[in-house]
Amino acid sequence: MLEHLTTEGRNEKTMHLDQMKALRFLEVMNEEDMKVAYAVKQELPHIAKGVEMIVTAFKNGGRLIYMGAGTSGRIGLLDAVECPPTFNTSPEEVVGLIAGGENAFIKAVEGAEDSLELGRNDLREIQLTMKDVLVGITASGRTPYVIAGLEYAKNIGARTIAISCNKNSETGKIADVAIEVVSGPEVLTGSTRLKAGTAQKLVCNMLSTASMVGIGKVYGNLMVDLQLTNEKLVERAKRMIMDATSCSYENAEDYLEKASRKPKIAIIMILANVSYDEAMNRLAEAEGFVRNAI
């Protein structure tokens, strides 16, 4: 079946890759990489459907679960672990699963991606429910681990999204939403950590970021729900308060402390001229949306 997959085709521009000078190869590679964003653009309507599905799940107490093998699994894990510091989500709200377990992030686990039972077991272990959204990520669209996961999710009533880099993919046929970004043959034949990996990363960026916007995690284009885990982020929070309210650095610093180091609350306190408790109540009533709380 591999010969029919776009991701497994040979790129005519690099048929003599082993004879190319480094600069010429990099020019070709760069030209090929430029095609990825355009390929993603063709799938924006499907990505938007996925975002709507995830936002609904979050609002109903569900989770976003990424699932993949190899590079695809690592991309899902990377997106998942970045959500808590960026959007102040709990580690349980956005979860990344990789065939072979967390150790497979660093070292490949042979045969894990071919296991149907492993795909089902990993979802049982995290107690997947019908409230959740499962995103199966696979460049080929035919990875058994992901196929089994999507089928299991469908059987229990969870919503499903498939990200692949081939049209009419096996995973796309199972999922509620198929995001099939045709990034074309790789410059190094079959090395889907390249364009296909970039495409998958772009899509995951879109799914998580747009979904977080949809549940009130930002104000304007400011990440006002970030976790202040180091000095750089504390300073970023102060700058955000200044940008959002046009206050001075000193006032931003003062209100950040009054708001128990919650940028959202500090912004509401300043712009609505209310106390900490009132700002907290307003934010709760506005379901997390700063603009509505103000």
Protein backbone atom coordinates (compact mmCIF):
# COMPACT_ATOMS: atom_id res chain seq x y z
CA MET A 1 0.00 0.00 0.00
CA LEU A 2 2.90 2.38 0.61
CA GLU A 3 3.49 3.04 -3.08
CA HIS A 4 0.09 4.74 -3.29
CA LEU A 5 0.84 7.23 -0.49
CA THR A 6 1.92 10.75 -1.42
CA THR A 7 4.15 10.85 1.65
CA GLU A 8 6.08 7.83 0.35
CA GLY A 9 6.64 9.19 -3.17
CA ARG A 10 10.02 10.31 -4.49
CA ASN A 11 10.58 14.03 -4.89
CA GLU A 12 11.76 14.76 -8.41
CA LYS A 13 13.72 17.81 -7.24
CA THR A 14 16.03 15.70 -5.08
CA MET A 15 16.59 12.58 -7.19
CA HIS A 16 20.34 13.36 -7.06
CA LEU A 17 20.39 14.51 -3.45
CA ASP A 18 23.64 12.66 -2.74
CA GLN A 19 25.38 14.77 -5.39
CA MET A 20 24.01 18.16 -4.36
CA LYS A 21 26.05 20.89 -2.73
CA ALA A 22 24.75 21.78 0.72
CA LEU A 23 23.48 25.23 -0.25
CA ARG A 24 21.59 23.94 -3.30
CA PHE A 25 19.95 21.20 -1.26
CA LEU A 26 18.93 23.67 1.43
CA GLU A 27 17.43 25.95 -1.22
CA VAL A 28 15.31 23.07 -2.53
CA MET A 29 14.35 22.01 0.97
CA ASN A 30 13.31 25.56 1.79
CA GLU A 31 11.23 25.75 -1.39
CA GLU A 32 9.48 22.52 -0.44
CA ASP A 33 8.85 23.72 3.12
CA MET A 34 7.14 26.83 1.73
CA LYS A 35 4.46 24.58 0.24
CA VAL A 36 3.38 23.31 3.64
CA ALA A 37 1.52 26.41 4.83
CA TYR A 38 -0.40 26.54 1.54
CA ALA A 39 -1.34 22.87 1.92
CA VAL A 40 -2.61 23.59 5.45
CA LYS A 41 -4.64 26.52 4.07
CA GLN A 42 -6.65 24.11 1.91
CA GLU A 43 -7.80 22.31 5.06
CA LEU A 44 -8.86 25.36 7.10
CA PRO A 45 -12.60 24.56 6.86
CA HIS A 46 -11.96 21.12 8.35
CA ILE A 47 -9.63 22.52 10.99
CA ALA A 48 -12.34 25.03 11.96
CA LYS A 49 -14.82 22.17 12.44
CA GLY A 50 -12.30 20.49 14.68
CA VAL A 51 -11.89 23.65 16.75
CA GLU A 52 -15.64 23.96 17.21
CA MET A 53 -15.76 20.35 18.36
CA ILE A 54 -12.95 20.86 20.88
CA VAL A 55 -14.44 24.09 22.28
CA THR A 56 -17.75 22.31 22.84
CA ALA A 57 -15.94 19.48 24.61
CA PHE A 58 -14.04 21.85 26.90
CA LYS A 59 -17.24 23.70 27.82
CA ASN A 60 -18.87 20.40 28.73
CA GLY A 61 -16.02 19.17 30.90
CA GLY A 62 -14.32 17.10 28.20
CA ARG A 63 -10.68 16.81 27.23
CA LEU A 64 -8.52 17.14 24.13
CA ILE A 65 -6.53 13.94 23.58
CA TYR A 66 -3.75 13.67 21.00
CA MET A 67 -2.65 10.22 19.86
CA GLY A 68 0.12 9.20 17.48
CA ALA A 69 3.27 7.16 16.90
CA GLY A 70 6.83 8.33 16.28
CA THR A 71 7.10 11.92 15.08
CA SER A 72 3.31 12.30 15.04
CA GLY A 73 3.05 11.20 18.66
CA ARG A 74 5.85 13.54 19.70
CA ILE A 75 4.12 16.48 18.01
CA GLY A 76 0.90 15.76 19.90
CA LEU A 77 2.77 15.42 23.18
CA LEU A 78 4.63 18.67 22.56
CA ASP A 79 1.40 20.56 21.96
CA ALA A 80 -0.20 19.00 25.04
CA VAL A 81 2.61 19.83 27.47
CA GLU A 82 2.75 23.46 26.29
CA CYS A 83 -0.89 24.11 27.16
CA PRO A 84 -0.61 24.30 30.99
CA PRO A 85 2.07 27.04 31.07
CA THR A 86 0.56 28.98 28.17
CA PHE A 87 -3.13 28.73 29.03
CA ASN A 88 -3.15 27.65 32.69
CA THR A 89 -4.91 24.39 31.89
CA SER A 90 -4.48 21.33 34.07
CA PRO A 91 -2.30 18.50 32.67
CA GLU A 92 -5.47 16.41 32.43
CA GLU A 93 -7.29 18.80 30.08
CA VAL A 94 -4.97 18.32 27.11
CA VAL A 95 -3.29 14.91 26.95
CA GLY A 96 -0.71 13.49 24.55
CA LEU A 97 -0.39 9.75 23.95
CA ILE A 98 2.47 8.17 22.01
CA ALA A 99 2.74 4.54 20.96
CA GLY A 100 5.13 2.85 23.37
CA GLY A 101 4.51 5.26 26.24
CA GLU A 102 6.34 8.39 27.38
CA ASN A 103 9.77 6.76 26.99
CA ALA A 104 9.07 6.55 23.25
CA PHE A 105 9.34 10.34 23.10
CA ILE A 106 13.12 9.95 23.46
CA LYS A 107 13.75 6.49 22.05
CA ALA A 108 11.67 4.60 19.49
CA VAL A 109 9.82 1.54 20.78
CA GLU A 110 9.91 -1.06 18.05
CA GLY A 111 6.56 -2.41 16.89
CA ALA A 112 4.48 -0.16 19.15
CA GLU A 113 2.81 1.68 16.28
CA ASP A 114 1.62 -1.63 14.79
CA SER A 115 -0.27 -2.67 17.92
CA LEU A 116 -4.04 -2.33 17.74
CA GLU A 117 -4.44 -3.46 21.34
CA LEU A 118 -1.96 -0.87 22.58
CA GLY A 119 -4.04 1.86 20.97
CA ARG A 120 -7.17 0.69 22.74
CA ASN A 121 -5.41 0.09 26.07
CA ASP A 122 -3.86 3.56 26.18
CA LEU A 123 -7.32 5.11 25.88
CA ARG A 124 -8.77 2.79 28.50
CA GLU A 125 -5.93 3.77 30.84
CA ILE A 126 -6.78 7.48 30.64
CA GLN A 127 -10.49 6.59 30.90
CA LEU A 128 -11.57 8.19 27.63
CA THR A 129 -15.23 9.22 27.77
CA MET A 130 -17.86 10.42 25.34
CA LYS A 131 -17.19 13.99 26.53
CA ASP A 132 -13.67 13.92 25.10
CA VAL A 133 -12.27 14.68 21.64
CA LEU A 134 -9.58 12.35 20.29
CA VAL A 135 -7.19 13.67 17.65
CA GLY A 136 -5.41 10.84 15.83
CA ILE A 137 -2.19 12.04 14.18
CA THR A 138 -0.43 9.99 11.49
CA ALA A 139 1.37 11.12 8.34
CA SER A 140 0.42 8.03 6.38
CA GLY A 141 -3.14 7.87 7.69
CA ARG A 142 -2.81 4.14 8.21
CA THR A 143 -0.96 3.64 11.51
CA PRO A 144 -2.65 0.72 13.35
CA TYR A 145 -2.15 2.25 16.82
CA VAL A 146 -4.06 5.36 15.76
CA ILE A 147 -6.71 3.48 13.77
CA ALA A 148 -7.50 1.32 16.80
CA GLY A 149 -7.71 4.42 19.00
CA LEU A 150 -10.10 6.22 16.68
CA GLU A 151 -12.32 3.14 16.37
CA TYR A 152 -12.38 2.70 20.15
CA ALA A 153 -13.27 6.37 20.63
CA LYS A 154 -16.09 6.15 18.08
CA ASN A 155 -17.47 3.06 19.78
CA ILE A 156 -17.80 4.81 23.15
CA GLY A 157 -19.29 7.96 21.61
CA ALA A 158 -16.30 10.32 21.80
CA ARG A 159 -15.82 12.81 18.96
CA THR A 160 -12.85 12.20 16.70
CA ILE A 161 -10.50 14.14 14.44
CA ALA A 162 -7.88 12.62 12.12
CA ILE A 163 -4.79 14.52 10.99
CA SER A 164 -2.92 12.93 8.09
CA CYS A 165 -0.90 13.93 5.04
CA ASN A 166 -2.62 11.76 2.43
CA LYS A 167 -6.05 12.10 0.86
CA ASN A 168 -8.66 9.41 1.44
CA SER A 169 -6.73 8.17 4.46
CA GLU A 170 -7.84 5.21 6.52
CA THR A 171 -7.96 7.36 9.65
CA GLY A 172 -9.94 10.03 7.81
CA LYS A 173 -12.59 7.48 6.90
CA ILE A 174 -13.11 6.68 10.58
CA ALA A 175 -13.02 10.15 12.14
CA ASP A 176 -15.82 12.70 12.41
CA VAL A 177 -13.48 15.31 10.93
CA ALA A 178 -10.68 14.45 8.51
CA ILE A 179 -7.86 16.99 8.20
CA GLU A 180 -5.77 15.74 5.28
CA VAL A 181 -2.86 18.08 4.54
CA VAL A 182 -1.16 16.91 1.35
CA SER A 183 2.36 18.23 1.84
CA GLY A 184 3.77 16.10 -0.99
CA PRO A 185 6.82 13.83 -1.29
CA GLU A 186 9.62 14.55 1.15
CA VAL A 187 13.05 15.74 -0.01
CA LEU A 188 14.35 12.60 1.70
CA THR A 189 11.98 9.88 0.53
CA GLY A 190 9.61 8.71 3.26
CA SER A 191 11.12 10.89 5.99
CA THR A 192 7.82 12.23 7.27
CA ARG A 193 9.45 14.07 10.16
CA LEU A 194 10.09 16.77 7.54
CA LYS A 195 7.19 18.41 5.61
CA ALA A 196 4.56 16.07 7.02
CA GLY A 197 5.80 16.72 10.54
CA THR A 198 5.74 20.47 9.94
CA ALA A 199 2.20 20.25 8.59
CA GLN A 200 1.03 18.28 11.62
CA LYS A 201 2.66 20.76 13.99
CA LEU A 202 0.93 23.67 12.26
CA VAL A 203 -2.44 21.96 12.52
CA CYS A 204 -1.97 21.11 16.21
CA ASN A 205 -0.96 24.72 16.86
CA MET A 206 -4.21 25.82 15.25
CA LEU A 207 -6.44 23.31 17.03
CA SER A 208 -5.17 24.04 20.53
CA THR A 209 -4.66 27.81 20.23
CA ALA A 210 -7.99 28.54 18.52
CA SER A 211 -9.78 26.30 21.01
CA MET A 212 -8.22 28.12 23.95
CA VAL A 213 -9.32 31.42 22.44
CA GLY A 214 -12.80 29.91 22.20
CA ILE A 215 -12.99 29.26 25.94
CA GLY A 216 -11.74 32.68 27.06
CA LYS A 217 -8.06 32.04 27.64
CA VAL A 218 -6.98 35.27 25.89
CA TYR A 219 -7.85 38.96 25.92
CA GLY A 220 -7.23 40.62 22.59
CA ASN A 221 -4.16 38.70 21.50
CA LEU A 222 -2.67 38.50 25.00
CA MET A 223 -2.19 35.16 26.78
CA VAL A 224 -3.68 36.47 30.00
CA ASP A 225 -4.09 33.04 31.61
CA LEU A 226 -0.42 32.05 31.54
CA GLN A 227 1.25 30.48 34.58
CA LEU A 228 3.85 32.72 36.22
CA THR A 229 6.46 30.02 36.79
CA ASN A 230 9.61 32.10 36.27
CA GLU A 231 10.82 35.70 36.30
CA LYS A 232 10.48 36.11 32.53
CA LEU A 233 6.81 35.16 32.69
CA VAL A 234 6.20 37.49 35.63
CA GLU A 235 7.63 40.34 33.57
CA ARG A 236 5.56 39.27 30.57
CA ALA A 237 2.43 39.37 32.75
CA LYS A 238 3.23 42.94 33.83
CA ARG A 239 3.72 44.00 30.22
CA MET A 240 0.41 42.40 29.28
CA ILE A 241 -1.38 44.31 32.01
CA MET A 242 0.24 47.51 30.77
CA ASP A 243 -0.74 46.77 27.15
CA ALA A 244 -4.33 45.90 28.10
CA THR A 245 -4.94 48.84 30.43
CA SER A 246 -2.40 51.52 29.42
CA CYS A 247 -1.29 51.71 33.04
CA SER A 248 2.27 52.30 34.26
CA TYR A 249 4.76 49.56 35.03
CA GLU A 250 4.44 50.34 38.74
CA ASN A 251 0.65 50.04 38.65
CA ALA A 252 0.85 46.80 36.69
CA GLU A 253 3.24 45.39 39.28
CA ASP A 254 1.02 46.54 42.12
CA TYR A 255 -2.19 45.16 40.67
CA LEU A 256 -0.60 41.86 39.74
CA GLU A 257 0.17 41.32 43.42
CA LYS A 258 -3.30 42.53 44.47
CA ALA A 259 -4.76 40.04 41.99
CA SER A 260 -2.81 37.13 43.52
CA ARG A 261 -0.58 37.05 40.40
CA LYS A 262 -3.54 36.44 38.08
CA PRO A 263 -3.17 38.72 35.03
CA LYS A 264 -6.84 38.30 34.08
CA ILE A 265 -8.01 39.54 37.44
CA ALA A 266 -5.57 42.43 37.47
CA ILE A 267 -6.85 43.63 34.09
CA ILE A 268 -10.49 43.44 35.21
CA MET A 269 -9.72 45.25 38.48
CA ILE A 270 -8.10 48.11 36.59
CA LEU A 271 -10.46 48.48 33.62
CA ALA A 272 -13.69 47.89 35.57
CA ASN A 273 -12.40 49.68 38.70
CA VAL A 274 -13.50 46.87 40.99
CA SER A 275 -12.10 44.93 43.93
CA TYR A 276 -10.40 41.55 43.72
CA ASP A 277 -13.53 39.72 44.88
CA GLU A 278 -15.75 41.59 42.41
CA ALA A 279 -13.30 40.87 39.59
CA MET A 280 -13.33 37.17 40.49
CA ASN A 281 -17.13 37.11 40.53
CA ARG A 282 -17.36 38.92 37.22
CA LEU A 283 -14.90 36.54 35.56
CA ALA A 284 -16.84 33.53 36.84
CA GLU A 285 -20.12 34.96 35.53
CA ALA A 286 -18.45 35.67 32.19
CA GLU A 287 -17.24 32.06 32.00
CA GLY A 288 -13.62 33.14 31.83
CA PHE A 289 -13.91 35.84 29.17
CA VAL A 290 -12.14 39.00 30.32
CA ARG A 291 -13.87 41.28 27.82
CA ASN A 292 -17.32 40.17 29.01
CA ALA A 293 -16.27 40.52 32.66
CA ILE A 294 -15.25 44.13 32.07
